[in-house]
Structure formats: structure tokens, C-alpha cells
Amino acid sequence: MKHEGKALAADETDAHHHRTVGMASVHVRAVVTWLAIFPLAAAGMSVLAAWAPEWPPVLRALTLTLVVVPAAVYFAVPRLLSIQARLSANRTSRIR
């Protein structure tokens, strides 16, 4: 999506480049996504190293991503974002 010659992030919806109300910034979402994927990938790599050490690296990566990506997208990231939203709301209510 482009606006006035500048690329906009997916969460920027109006002419003033504001986020949708209640949506975490792209930076927060990036950190949350990393926090979800890193432990899943580390655990998955450990399991695959013990379970299928003779597999080629590409097959191990394919198997790992077939498990990690859906687990992160459907379970880990939404839960971490809801925790982040609650923490942010609590912080905002204490400030007021």
C-alpha cells in the first residue's frame, strides 16, 4: 500500500499514518513474533536433531517450519499479543 509516494505498513490505514485503534505497532508485533518463534524453533531443532539426524538440512527445515509456523501464527502470537494488550491497558489505566 502506498500513500504520497511512501510505503505504508499494513497497520497504517489513514492519511496521517495512524495505526488502527488497539493494534500493536509493527515493532511490538515483530518482537512478539520473535518471542513466539525462537523457542518453538529451538525446541523443534533439538527434537529433529535427535529424531532425524541423518535427514538433509532442507528436509529438517521444511519439517520444522511445517510445525513451527502454524503453532506460532494460530496459538503463540495471538496469546502473546493479548498479554501485551492487557499489560499495555493496565499501564495506560495507571497513568490516567
Protein backbone atom coordinates (compact mmCIF):
# COMPACT_ATOMS: atom_id res chain seq x y z
CA MET A 1 0.00 0.00 0.00
CA LYS A 2 1.39 3.43 -0.90
CA HIS A 3 0.46 6.90 0.20
CA GLU A 4 2.02 10.10 -1.18
CA GLY A 5 4.92 8.08 -2.57
CA LYS A 6 5.72 6.47 0.80
CA ALA A 7 5.21 2.79 1.57
CA LEU A 8 2.89 2.21 4.50
CA ALA A 9 2.95 -0.64 6.97
CA ALA A 10 -0.03 -2.98 6.85
CA ASP A 11 -1.47 -1.44 10.02
CA GLU A 12 -1.40 2.16 8.73
CA THR A 13 -4.84 2.93 7.40
CA ASP A 14 -5.37 6.68 7.07
CA ALA A 15 -3.70 9.70 5.52
CA HIS A 16 -1.98 10.59 8.77
CA HIS A 17 -0.30 7.17 9.08
CA HIS A 18 -2.07 6.26 12.31
CA ARG A 19 -2.44 2.67 13.45
CA THR A 20 -5.84 1.09 13.81
CA VAL A 21 -7.11 1.66 17.35
CA GLY A 22 -5.97 -1.09 19.71
CA MET A 23 -3.44 -2.59 17.32
CA ALA A 24 0.14 -3.03 18.48
CA SER A 25 2.82 -1.26 16.50
CA VAL A 26 4.70 -3.16 13.83
CA HIS A 27 7.75 -3.12 16.11
CA VAL A 28 5.87 -4.68 19.03
CA ARG A 29 4.41 -7.32 16.71
CA ALA A 30 7.89 -8.11 15.37
CA VAL A 31 9.25 -8.65 18.90
CA VAL A 32 6.21 -10.73 19.88
CA THR A 33 6.59 -12.86 16.74
CA TRP A 34 10.26 -13.44 17.50
CA LEU A 35 9.43 -14.33 21.11
CA ALA A 36 6.94 -16.90 19.80
CA ILE A 37 9.08 -18.41 17.06
CA PHE A 38 12.51 -18.61 18.69
CA PRO A 39 11.63 -21.07 21.49
CA LEU A 40 9.49 -23.15 19.14
CA ALA A 41 12.29 -23.30 16.56
CA ALA A 42 14.95 -24.07 19.17
CA ALA A 43 12.89 -26.89 20.67
CA GLY A 44 11.99 -28.21 17.23
CA MET A 45 15.63 -28.20 16.09
CA SER A 46 16.64 -30.12 19.21
CA VAL A 47 13.92 -32.71 18.64
CA LEU A 48 14.77 -33.10 14.94
CA ALA A 49 18.49 -33.38 15.67
CA ALA A 50 17.80 -36.33 17.98
CA TRP A 51 14.96 -37.87 15.96
CA ALA A 52 16.26 -37.47 12.40
CA PRO A 53 19.99 -36.66 12.44
CA GLU A 54 20.59 -38.19 9.03
CA TRP A 55 17.99 -36.02 7.26
CA PRO A 56 19.30 -33.34 4.90
CA PRO A 57 19.13 -29.82 6.37
CA VAL A 58 16.49 -28.72 3.85
CA LEU A 59 14.15 -31.57 4.85
CA ARG A 60 14.66 -30.75 8.53
CA ALA A 61 13.93 -27.06 7.85
CA LEU A 62 10.78 -27.98 5.90
CA THR A 63 9.55 -30.26 8.69
CA LEU A 64 10.39 -27.68 11.33
CA THR A 65 8.53 -24.87 9.56
CA LEU A 66 5.51 -27.09 8.90
CA VAL A 67 5.11 -27.32 12.67
CA VAL A 68 6.50 -24.02 13.96
CA VAL A 69 4.77 -21.56 11.63
CA PRO A 70 1.17 -22.73 12.28
CA ALA A 71 1.89 -23.10 16.01
CA ALA A 72 3.21 -19.55 16.15
CA VAL A 73 0.53 -17.98 13.91
CA TYR A 74 -2.52 -19.69 15.43
CA PHE A 75 -1.50 -20.14 19.06
CA ALA A 76 1.62 -18.41 20.36
CA VAL A 77 1.47 -14.99 18.69
CA PRO A 78 -2.23 -14.31 19.44
CA ARG A 79 -1.74 -15.26 23.08
CA LEU A 80 1.38 -13.12 23.42
CA LEU A 81 -0.38 -10.18 21.74
CA SER A 82 -3.32 -10.49 24.14
CA ILE A 83 -0.90 -10.50 27.08
CA GLN A 84 0.84 -7.45 25.63
CA ALA A 85 -2.51 -5.68 25.14
CA ARG A 86 -3.53 -6.37 28.74
CA LEU A 87 -0.18 -5.10 30.04
CA SER A 88 -0.46 -2.01 27.86
CA ALA A 89 -4.04 -1.35 29.02
CA ASN A 90 -3.01 -1.75 32.67
CA ARG A 91 -0.13 0.65 32.16
CA THR A 92 -2.40 3.18 30.44
CA SER A 93 -5.05 2.96 33.18
CA ARG A 94 -2.43 3.51 35.91
CA ILE A 95 -1.10 6.60 34.14
CA ARG A 96 -4.53 8.25 33.98
